[in-house]
Amino acid sequence: MAQQTVLGTIGKGKRGISTWGWVLRGAAAGAAGTTALNAVTYLDMTFRGRGTSSTPEQTVEALAEKVHVQVPGDEETRSNRVQGLGPLTGLAAGIGAGVLAGLARAAGFRPMLLVGTLQSTLTVLLGSNGPMTALGITDPRTWSTTDWVSDVVPHAAYGVVTHATLAAFDRP
C-alpha cells in the first residue's frame, strides 16, 4: 500500500508498471534530461562566448590509461575517436542517472517535485563529476563561483526535466 510522506509517496500503489518498464522510462527520462542539460550548456556557451570543455576527452584518456586499453588509430583518427567518446560519457551518466530514478520509482518512491528534482540533479552531478574528480582531471574545491554556476545550472535543468518526465509516466 502506498504511504504519503514529507518527501513524497512510498509504496507501489496500483500503477501496474514492471521494474523493466520503469528502467526504460528512467532511460527515456534521463535522455530527455541530458538533452535539456546540453541545451542549457550550449546556450551558456553562446551567450558568454566560452569554448567547450576538454574534461570529457581527458576523462576518456584517463580511463583508457587506467584500464590499460589503447584507443586505436593514427594520431588524427585516435583524436577524433576520443572527441566522440567524450560526449558519450555524458550521455551514459545522464541516461544512467535516469535509470536509477526509474528504479526508485519501481521500488515505489514517487518524490515530490523539489525532492525528485534534487535527487536527479545530485545523482547526475555525482555521475558526471565524480569520475573526473576521482581521476584527478578536475577538483571542485578549486572552482570559482562562475565555474559552479556553469556546472550546477545545466545539471539542475537535467533534474527538472528528468523528474518531470518520470512523473508524467506515473499512473494514478
N, C-alpha and C. Protein backbone atom coordinates (compact mmCIF):
# COMPACT_ATOMS: atom_id res chain seq x y z
N MET A 1 0.84 -1.18 0.00
CA MET A 1 0.00 0.00 0.00
C MET A 1 0.89 1.25 0.00
N ALA A 2 0.49 2.26 -0.74
CA ALA A 2 1.26 3.50 -0.83
C ALA A 2 1.04 4.35 0.42
N GLN A 3 2.13 5.02 0.85
CA GLN A 3 2.07 5.86 2.04
C GLN A 3 2.62 7.24 1.69
N GLN A 4 1.87 8.29 2.00
CA GLN A 4 2.30 9.66 1.75
C GLN A 4 3.26 10.11 2.86
N THR A 5 4.42 10.67 2.47
CA THR A 5 5.40 11.20 3.43
C THR A 5 5.74 12.63 3.05
N VAL A 6 6.57 13.26 3.83
CA VAL A 6 7.01 14.62 3.54
C VAL A 6 7.80 14.67 2.24
N LEU A 7 8.55 13.61 1.94
CA LEU A 7 9.39 13.58 0.75
C LEU A 7 8.63 13.20 -0.51
N GLY A 8 7.54 12.48 -0.36
CA GLY A 8 6.77 12.00 -1.50
C GLY A 8 6.02 10.75 -1.09
N THR A 9 5.53 10.03 -2.07
CA THR A 9 4.78 8.80 -1.81
C THR A 9 5.72 7.61 -1.90
N ILE A 10 5.58 6.70 -0.94
CA ILE A 10 6.40 5.49 -0.93
C ILE A 10 5.46 4.31 -0.92
N GLY A 11 5.70 3.37 -1.81
CA GLY A 11 4.85 2.19 -1.93
C GLY A 11 4.34 2.07 -3.34
N LYS A 12 4.03 0.88 -3.76
CA LYS A 12 3.71 0.63 -5.15
C LYS A 12 2.34 1.13 -5.58
N GLY A 13 1.36 1.11 -4.71
CA GLY A 13 0.04 1.54 -5.14
C GLY A 13 -0.48 0.64 -6.25
N LYS A 14 -1.21 1.19 -7.20
CA LYS A 14 -1.82 0.40 -8.27
C LYS A 14 -1.33 0.87 -9.63
N ARG A 15 -0.04 1.06 -9.80
CA ARG A 15 0.48 1.60 -11.05
C ARG A 15 0.56 0.56 -12.15
N GLY A 16 0.87 -0.67 -11.83
CA GLY A 16 0.92 -1.72 -12.84
C GLY A 16 2.06 -1.62 -13.83
N ILE A 17 3.15 -0.96 -13.47
CA ILE A 17 4.31 -0.85 -14.36
C ILE A 17 5.42 -1.72 -13.78
N SER A 18 5.99 -2.60 -14.60
CA SER A 18 7.03 -3.51 -14.14
C SER A 18 8.34 -2.77 -13.88
N THR A 19 9.26 -3.46 -13.21
CA THR A 19 10.58 -2.88 -12.97
C THR A 19 11.26 -2.54 -14.29
N TRP A 20 11.21 -3.45 -15.27
CA TRP A 20 11.83 -3.16 -16.56
C TRP A 20 11.14 -1.99 -17.25
N GLY A 21 9.84 -1.87 -17.04
CA GLY A 21 9.12 -0.72 -17.58
C GLY A 21 9.65 0.58 -17.01
N TRP A 22 9.94 0.57 -15.69
CA TRP A 22 10.49 1.77 -15.06
C TRP A 22 11.94 2.01 -15.47
N VAL A 23 12.70 0.94 -15.71
CA VAL A 23 14.07 1.10 -16.21
C VAL A 23 14.05 1.82 -17.56
N LEU A 24 13.16 1.38 -18.44
CA LEU A 24 13.06 2.02 -19.76
C LEU A 24 12.54 3.45 -19.66
N ARG A 25 11.57 3.66 -18.80
CA ARG A 25 11.06 5.02 -18.60
C ARG A 25 12.15 5.92 -18.00
N GLY A 26 12.94 5.37 -17.08
CA GLY A 26 14.04 6.12 -16.50
C GLY A 26 15.09 6.47 -17.54
N ALA A 27 15.39 5.52 -18.43
CA ALA A 27 16.35 5.80 -19.50
C ALA A 27 15.84 6.91 -20.41
N ALA A 28 14.55 6.86 -20.75
CA ALA A 28 13.95 7.90 -21.59
C ALA A 28 13.98 9.25 -20.87
N ALA A 29 13.66 9.25 -19.57
CA ALA A 29 13.68 10.48 -18.80
C ALA A 29 15.11 11.03 -18.71
N GLY A 30 16.09 10.14 -18.51
CA GLY A 30 17.48 10.55 -18.46
C GLY A 30 17.95 11.13 -19.78
N ALA A 31 17.49 10.55 -20.90
CA ALA A 31 17.84 11.09 -22.22
C ALA A 31 17.22 12.47 -22.41
N ALA A 32 15.98 12.64 -21.96
CA ALA A 32 15.33 13.95 -22.05
C ALA A 32 16.08 14.96 -21.18
N GLY A 33 16.44 14.55 -19.97
CA GLY A 33 17.19 15.42 -19.08
C GLY A 33 18.55 15.79 -19.65
N THR A 34 19.22 14.83 -20.27
CA THR A 34 20.52 15.09 -20.88
C THR A 34 20.39 16.09 -22.03
N THR A 35 19.31 15.99 -22.78
CA THR A 35 19.06 16.96 -23.85
C THR A 35 18.90 18.36 -23.27
N ALA A 36 18.16 18.46 -22.16
CA ALA A 36 18.00 19.76 -21.50
C ALA A 36 19.33 20.29 -20.99
N LEU A 37 20.12 19.42 -20.37
CA LEU A 37 21.45 19.80 -19.87
C LEU A 37 22.31 20.33 -21.01
N ASN A 38 22.34 19.61 -22.13
CA ASN A 38 23.14 20.04 -23.27
C ASN A 38 22.64 21.37 -23.83
N ALA A 39 21.32 21.55 -23.91
CA ALA A 39 20.77 22.79 -24.44
C ALA A 39 21.16 23.97 -23.57
N VAL A 40 21.05 23.82 -22.24
CA VAL A 40 21.43 24.91 -21.34
C VAL A 40 22.93 25.18 -21.44
N THR A 41 23.73 24.14 -21.55
CA THR A 41 25.18 24.31 -21.69
C THR A 41 25.51 25.06 -22.98
N TYR A 42 24.90 24.67 -24.09
CA TYR A 42 25.18 25.33 -25.37
C TYR A 42 24.69 26.78 -25.37
N LEU A 43 23.56 27.05 -24.70
CA LEU A 43 23.10 28.44 -24.58
C LEU A 43 24.09 29.26 -23.78
N ASP A 44 24.62 28.70 -22.70
CA ASP A 44 25.63 29.38 -21.89
C ASP A 44 26.87 29.68 -22.75
N MET A 45 27.30 28.70 -23.52
CA MET A 45 28.46 28.90 -24.39
C MET A 45 28.19 30.01 -25.40
N THR A 46 26.97 30.03 -25.93
CA THR A 46 26.60 31.04 -26.92
C THR A 46 26.58 32.43 -26.31
N PHE A 47 25.90 32.57 -25.16
CA PHE A 47 25.77 33.88 -24.54
C PHE A 47 27.09 34.42 -24.01
N ARG A 48 27.90 33.56 -23.39
CA ARG A 48 29.16 34.02 -22.80
C ARG A 48 30.33 33.93 -23.76
N GLY A 49 30.16 33.25 -24.88
CA GLY A 49 31.24 33.11 -25.84
C GLY A 49 32.36 32.21 -25.35
N ARG A 50 32.02 31.27 -24.48
CA ARG A 50 33.07 30.39 -23.94
C ARG A 50 33.18 29.13 -24.80
N GLY A 51 34.34 28.52 -24.74
CA GLY A 51 34.60 27.32 -25.51
C GLY A 51 34.09 26.05 -24.83
N THR A 52 34.25 24.96 -25.52
CA THR A 52 33.83 23.68 -24.96
C THR A 52 34.83 23.22 -23.89
N SER A 53 34.35 22.34 -23.05
CA SER A 53 35.22 21.78 -22.01
C SER A 53 35.98 20.59 -22.58
N SER A 54 37.22 20.46 -22.19
CA SER A 54 38.03 19.32 -22.63
C SER A 54 37.98 18.18 -21.61
N THR A 55 37.28 18.39 -20.50
CA THR A 55 37.28 17.36 -19.45
C THR A 55 36.68 16.02 -19.89
N PRO A 56 35.64 15.99 -20.75
CA PRO A 56 35.16 14.67 -21.18
C PRO A 56 36.22 13.87 -21.93
N GLU A 57 36.97 14.54 -22.80
CA GLU A 57 38.02 13.85 -23.54
C GLU A 57 39.16 13.43 -22.60
N GLN A 58 39.49 14.30 -21.64
CA GLN A 58 40.52 13.95 -20.67
C GLN A 58 40.08 12.74 -19.84
N THR A 59 38.78 12.65 -19.56
CA THR A 59 38.25 11.50 -18.81
C THR A 59 38.42 10.22 -19.61
N VAL A 60 38.11 10.28 -20.91
CA VAL A 60 38.28 9.10 -21.77
C VAL A 60 39.74 8.67 -21.78
N GLU A 61 40.63 9.63 -21.93
CA GLU A 61 42.07 9.33 -21.96
C GLU A 61 42.51 8.68 -20.64
N ALA A 62 42.07 9.26 -19.52
CA ALA A 62 42.47 8.74 -18.21
C ALA A 62 41.88 7.35 -17.95
N LEU A 63 40.62 7.16 -18.35
CA LEU A 63 40.01 5.83 -18.17
C LEU A 63 40.71 4.78 -19.02
N ALA A 64 41.03 5.14 -20.26
CA ALA A 64 41.72 4.20 -21.14
C ALA A 64 43.08 3.81 -20.53
N GLU A 65 43.78 4.80 -20.01
CA GLU A 65 45.07 4.53 -19.38
C GLU A 65 44.90 3.66 -18.14
N LYS A 66 43.88 3.96 -17.34
CA LYS A 66 43.63 3.23 -16.09
C LYS A 66 43.34 1.76 -16.33
N VAL A 67 42.59 1.45 -17.39
CA VAL A 67 42.23 0.05 -17.68
C VAL A 67 43.16 -0.58 -18.72
N HIS A 68 44.21 0.15 -19.07
CA HIS A 68 45.24 -0.36 -19.99
C HIS A 68 44.65 -0.75 -21.34
N VAL A 69 43.83 0.17 -21.88
CA VAL A 69 43.25 -0.01 -23.21
C VAL A 69 43.68 1.17 -24.06
N GLN A 70 44.15 0.89 -25.24
CA GLN A 70 44.58 1.94 -26.16
C GLN A 70 43.44 2.27 -27.11
N VAL A 71 43.09 3.56 -27.23
CA VAL A 71 42.12 3.97 -28.24
C VAL A 71 42.85 3.86 -29.58
N PRO A 72 42.33 3.04 -30.50
CA PRO A 72 43.07 2.75 -31.73
C PRO A 72 43.06 3.89 -32.75
N GLY A 73 44.02 3.82 -33.65
CA GLY A 73 44.09 4.75 -34.77
C GLY A 73 45.36 5.57 -34.76
N ASP A 74 45.64 6.17 -35.95
CA ASP A 74 46.77 7.09 -36.03
C ASP A 74 46.40 8.34 -35.22
N GLU A 75 47.30 9.29 -35.15
CA GLU A 75 47.10 10.45 -34.26
C GLU A 75 45.76 11.16 -34.50
N GLU A 76 45.45 11.45 -35.77
CA GLU A 76 44.21 12.17 -36.07
C GLU A 76 42.97 11.30 -35.80
N THR A 77 43.01 10.06 -36.24
CA THR A 77 41.87 9.15 -36.05
C THR A 77 41.62 8.92 -34.57
N ARG A 78 42.70 8.70 -33.83
CA ARG A 78 42.57 8.47 -32.40
C ARG A 78 41.98 9.70 -31.71
N SER A 79 42.45 10.88 -32.07
CA SER A 79 41.93 12.13 -31.50
C SER A 79 40.44 12.28 -31.80
N ASN A 80 40.04 11.97 -33.02
CA ASN A 80 38.63 12.04 -33.39
C ASN A 80 37.79 11.06 -32.58
N ARG A 81 38.32 9.87 -32.37
CA ARG A 81 37.59 8.87 -31.57
C ARG A 81 37.42 9.35 -30.13
N VAL A 82 38.47 9.90 -29.56
CA VAL A 82 38.39 10.40 -28.19
C VAL A 82 37.37 11.55 -28.11
N GLN A 83 37.36 12.42 -29.12
CA GLN A 83 36.38 13.51 -29.15
C GLN A 83 34.96 12.98 -29.26
N GLY A 84 34.77 11.86 -29.91
CA GLY A 84 33.45 11.24 -29.99
C GLY A 84 33.07 10.52 -28.72
N LEU A 85 34.05 9.88 -28.09
CA LEU A 85 33.78 9.14 -26.85
C LEU A 85 33.51 10.07 -25.67
N GLY A 86 34.11 11.25 -25.66
CA GLY A 86 33.92 12.19 -24.54
C GLY A 86 32.46 12.50 -24.28
N PRO A 87 31.74 13.00 -25.27
CA PRO A 87 30.32 13.29 -25.04
C PRO A 87 29.49 12.04 -24.72
N LEU A 88 29.92 10.90 -25.20
CA LEU A 88 29.19 9.66 -24.87
C LEU A 88 29.25 9.36 -23.38
N THR A 89 30.33 9.79 -22.71
CA THR A 89 30.38 9.58 -21.26
C THR A 89 29.30 10.40 -20.56
N GLY A 90 29.02 11.59 -21.08
CA GLY A 90 27.95 12.40 -20.54
C GLY A 90 26.58 11.78 -20.77
N LEU A 91 26.39 11.23 -21.97
CA LEU A 91 25.12 10.53 -22.25
C LEU A 91 24.95 9.34 -21.32
N ALA A 92 26.03 8.60 -21.11
CA ALA A 92 25.95 7.44 -20.22
C ALA A 92 25.60 7.87 -18.80
N ALA A 93 26.21 8.95 -18.33
CA ALA A 93 25.91 9.44 -16.97
C ALA A 93 24.45 9.89 -16.88
N GLY A 94 23.98 10.62 -17.87
CA GLY A 94 22.61 11.13 -17.85
C GLY A 94 21.57 10.03 -17.95
N ILE A 95 21.77 9.11 -18.86
CA ILE A 95 20.82 8.01 -19.01
C ILE A 95 20.90 7.09 -17.79
N GLY A 96 22.12 6.85 -17.31
CA GLY A 96 22.29 6.01 -16.12
C GLY A 96 21.61 6.59 -14.90
N ALA A 97 21.73 7.91 -14.70
CA ALA A 97 21.06 8.56 -13.56
C ALA A 97 19.54 8.45 -13.71
N GLY A 98 19.06 8.55 -14.95
CA GLY A 98 17.63 8.38 -15.20
C GLY A 98 17.17 6.97 -14.87
N VAL A 99 17.98 5.98 -15.22
CA VAL A 99 17.65 4.59 -14.90
C VAL A 99 17.56 4.41 -13.39
N LEU A 100 18.49 5.00 -12.64
CA LEU A 100 18.44 4.91 -11.18
C LEU A 100 17.15 5.53 -10.63
N ALA A 101 16.74 6.67 -11.19
CA ALA A 101 15.49 7.29 -10.76
C ALA A 101 14.30 6.40 -11.12
N GLY A 102 14.37 5.75 -12.27
CA GLY A 102 13.32 4.82 -12.66
C GLY A 102 13.25 3.63 -11.72
N LEU A 103 14.40 3.14 -11.30
CA LEU A 103 14.42 2.01 -10.35
C LEU A 103 13.84 2.43 -8.99
N ALA A 104 14.10 3.67 -8.60
CA ALA A 104 13.50 4.17 -7.35
C ALA A 104 11.98 4.18 -7.48
N ARG A 105 11.47 4.55 -8.63
CA ARG A 105 10.02 4.53 -8.86
C ARG A 105 9.50 3.10 -8.87
N ALA A 106 10.27 2.20 -9.45
CA ALA A 106 9.85 0.78 -9.45
C ALA A 106 9.75 0.26 -8.03
N ALA A 107 10.60 0.78 -7.14
CA ALA A 107 10.57 0.37 -5.73
C ALA A 107 9.43 1.07 -4.97
N GLY A 108 8.75 2.00 -5.63
CA GLY A 108 7.61 2.65 -5.01
C GLY A 108 7.84 4.08 -4.56
N PHE A 109 9.03 4.64 -4.80
CA PHE A 109 9.31 6.01 -4.37
C PHE A 109 8.90 6.98 -5.47
N ARG A 110 7.92 7.80 -5.19
CA ARG A 110 7.47 8.82 -6.12
C ARG A 110 7.62 10.18 -5.42
N PRO A 111 8.81 10.78 -5.56
CA PRO A 111 9.10 12.01 -4.82
C PRO A 111 8.31 13.21 -5.32
N MET A 112 8.14 14.15 -4.42
CA MET A 112 7.53 15.43 -4.78
C MET A 112 8.49 16.18 -5.70
N LEU A 113 8.01 17.24 -6.32
CA LEU A 113 8.78 17.98 -7.33
C LEU A 113 10.18 18.37 -6.85
N LEU A 114 10.27 19.05 -5.73
CA LEU A 114 11.58 19.53 -5.25
C LEU A 114 12.50 18.37 -4.91
N VAL A 115 11.99 17.36 -4.23
CA VAL A 115 12.81 16.20 -3.83
C VAL A 115 13.28 15.43 -5.06
N GLY A 116 12.38 15.19 -6.01
CA GLY A 116 12.74 14.47 -7.23
C GLY A 116 13.73 15.23 -8.08
N THR A 117 13.56 16.54 -8.16
CA THR A 117 14.49 17.37 -8.92
C THR A 117 15.87 17.35 -8.28
N LEU A 118 15.92 17.52 -6.95
CA LEU A 118 17.21 17.48 -6.25
C LEU A 118 17.87 16.12 -6.38
N GLN A 119 17.08 15.06 -6.24
CA GLN A 119 17.62 13.70 -6.35
C GLN A 119 18.24 13.47 -7.73
N SER A 120 17.53 13.86 -8.78
CA SER A 120 18.06 13.67 -10.14
C SER A 120 19.26 14.56 -10.40
N THR A 121 19.21 15.80 -9.91
CA THR A 121 20.32 16.73 -10.10
C THR A 121 21.58 16.21 -9.41
N LEU A 122 21.46 15.82 -8.15
CA LEU A 122 22.62 15.34 -7.41
C LEU A 122 23.18 14.04 -7.98
N THR A 123 22.28 13.15 -8.41
CA THR A 123 22.75 11.88 -8.99
C THR A 123 23.57 12.13 -10.24
N VAL A 124 23.09 12.99 -11.13
CA VAL A 124 23.83 13.22 -12.38
C VAL A 124 25.09 14.05 -12.13
N LEU A 125 25.06 14.95 -11.14
CA LEU A 125 26.29 15.68 -10.78
C LEU A 125 27.37 14.71 -10.32
N LEU A 126 26.99 13.78 -9.45
CA LEU A 126 27.96 12.78 -8.98
C LEU A 126 28.40 11.85 -10.11
N GLY A 127 27.45 11.48 -10.96
CA GLY A 127 27.78 10.57 -12.06
C GLY A 127 28.69 11.18 -13.11
N SER A 128 28.59 12.48 -13.28
CA SER A 128 29.44 13.12 -14.29
C SER A 128 30.72 13.69 -13.69
N ASN A 129 30.62 14.36 -12.55
CA ASN A 129 31.81 14.97 -11.95
C ASN A 129 32.62 14.01 -11.09
N GLY A 130 31.96 12.99 -10.55
CA GLY A 130 32.66 12.04 -9.68
C GLY A 130 33.85 11.37 -10.35
N PRO A 131 33.64 10.75 -11.52
CA PRO A 131 34.78 10.11 -12.19
C PRO A 131 35.90 11.09 -12.55
N MET A 132 35.52 12.28 -12.99
CA MET A 132 36.55 13.26 -13.34
C MET A 132 37.36 13.70 -12.12
N THR A 133 36.67 13.81 -10.99
CA THR A 133 37.35 14.17 -9.75
C THR A 133 38.24 13.03 -9.27
N ALA A 134 37.70 11.81 -9.31
CA ALA A 134 38.46 10.64 -8.86
C ALA A 134 39.70 10.41 -9.72
N LEU A 135 39.61 10.73 -10.99
CA LEU A 135 40.75 10.55 -11.90
C LEU A 135 41.72 11.73 -11.86
N GLY A 136 41.41 12.76 -11.07
CA GLY A 136 42.30 13.90 -10.94
C GLY A 136 42.22 14.89 -12.09
N ILE A 137 41.16 14.83 -12.88
CA ILE A 137 41.01 15.73 -14.02
C ILE A 137 40.51 17.10 -13.57
N THR A 138 39.70 17.10 -12.55
CA THR A 138 39.18 18.36 -12.01
C THR A 138 39.10 18.25 -10.49
N ASP A 139 39.04 19.40 -9.85
CA ASP A 139 38.90 19.43 -8.39
C ASP A 139 37.87 20.50 -8.05
N PRO A 140 36.62 20.09 -7.78
CA PRO A 140 35.57 21.08 -7.49
C PRO A 140 35.90 22.02 -6.34
N ARG A 141 36.79 21.64 -5.47
CA ARG A 141 37.18 22.52 -4.36
C ARG A 141 37.89 23.77 -4.85
N THR A 142 38.43 23.72 -6.07
CA THR A 142 39.15 24.87 -6.62
C THR A 142 38.30 25.70 -7.58
N TRP A 143 37.05 25.31 -7.80
CA TRP A 143 36.22 26.01 -8.77
C TRP A 143 35.79 27.38 -8.26
N SER A 144 35.70 28.32 -9.18
CA SER A 144 35.18 29.65 -8.86
C SER A 144 33.65 29.59 -8.81
N THR A 145 33.04 30.66 -8.35
CA THR A 145 31.57 30.74 -8.32
C THR A 145 31.01 30.58 -9.74
N THR A 146 31.64 31.22 -10.71
CA THR A 146 31.21 31.11 -12.11
C THR A 146 31.29 29.67 -12.58
N ASP A 147 32.38 28.97 -12.22
CA ASP A 147 32.52 27.55 -12.59
C ASP A 147 31.37 26.73 -12.01
N TRP A 148 31.05 26.97 -10.74
CA TRP A 148 29.97 26.23 -10.09
C TRP A 148 28.63 26.50 -10.76
N VAL A 149 28.35 27.76 -11.03
CA VAL A 149 27.09 28.11 -11.69
C VAL A 149 27.01 27.46 -13.06
N SER A 150 28.13 27.52 -13.81
CA SER A 150 28.17 26.91 -15.14
C SER A 150 27.95 25.41 -15.09
N ASP A 151 28.25 24.78 -13.98
CA ASP A 151 28.08 23.34 -13.83
C ASP A 151 26.72 22.99 -13.24
N VAL A 152 26.31 23.71 -12.21
CA VAL A 152 25.08 23.35 -11.50
C VAL A 152 23.82 23.69 -12.29
N VAL A 153 23.79 24.83 -12.96
CA VAL A 153 22.57 25.23 -13.67
C VAL A 153 22.17 24.21 -14.74
N PRO A 154 23.06 23.77 -15.62
CA PRO A 154 22.66 22.74 -16.59
C PRO A 154 22.24 21.43 -15.91
N HIS A 155 22.92 21.07 -14.83
CA HIS A 155 22.55 19.83 -14.13
C HIS A 155 21.19 19.97 -13.45
N ALA A 156 20.87 21.18 -12.99
CA ALA A 156 19.54 21.42 -12.42
C ALA A 156 18.47 21.31 -13.50
N ALA A 157 18.78 21.80 -14.71
CA ALA A 157 17.83 21.64 -15.83
C ALA A 157 17.60 20.15 -16.09
N TYR A 158 18.69 19.37 -16.02
CA TYR A 158 18.56 17.92 -16.14
C TYR A 158 17.61 17.39 -15.08
N GLY A 159 17.80 17.80 -13.83
CA GLY A 159 16.99 17.31 -12.73
C GLY A 159 15.51 17.61 -12.92
N VAL A 160 15.19 18.84 -13.33
CA VAL A 160 13.80 19.22 -13.54
C VAL A 160 13.17 18.38 -14.64
N VAL A 161 13.84 18.28 -15.77
CA VAL A 161 13.27 17.56 -16.91
C VAL A 161 13.18 16.06 -16.63
N THR A 162 14.19 15.49 -16.02
CA THR A 162 14.16 14.06 -15.72
C THR A 162 13.03 13.74 -14.75
N HIS A 163 12.93 14.51 -13.68
CA HIS A 163 11.85 14.27 -12.71
C HIS A 163 10.48 14.46 -13.36
N ALA A 164 10.30 15.54 -14.11
CA ALA A 164 9.00 15.81 -14.74
C ALA A 164 8.62 14.70 -15.72
N THR A 165 9.60 14.20 -16.45
CA THR A 165 9.33 13.12 -17.40
C THR A 165 8.90 11.86 -16.68
N LEU A 166 9.62 11.50 -15.63
CA LEU A 166 9.24 10.31 -14.85
C LEU A 166 7.87 10.48 -14.20
N ALA A 167 7.61 11.66 -13.67
CA ALA A 167 6.31 11.91 -13.03
C ALA A 167 5.18 11.80 -14.05
N ALA A 168 5.45 12.18 -15.29
CA ALA A 168 4.42 12.09 -16.33
C ALA A 168 4.09 10.63 -16.67
N PHE A 169 5.02 9.72 -16.39
CA PHE A 169 4.78 8.30 -16.63
C PHE A 169 3.94 7.64 -15.55
N ASP A 170 3.81 8.29 -14.41
CA ASP A 170 3.03 7.71 -13.31
C ASP A 170 1.58 7.52 -13.73
N ARG A 171 1.05 6.42 -13.29
CA ARG A 171 -0.39 6.17 -13.47
C ARG A 171 -1.07 6.40 -12.15
N PRO A 172 -2.26 6.99 -12.16
CA PRO A 172 -2.95 7.23 -10.89
C PRO A 172 -3.28 5.94 -10.13
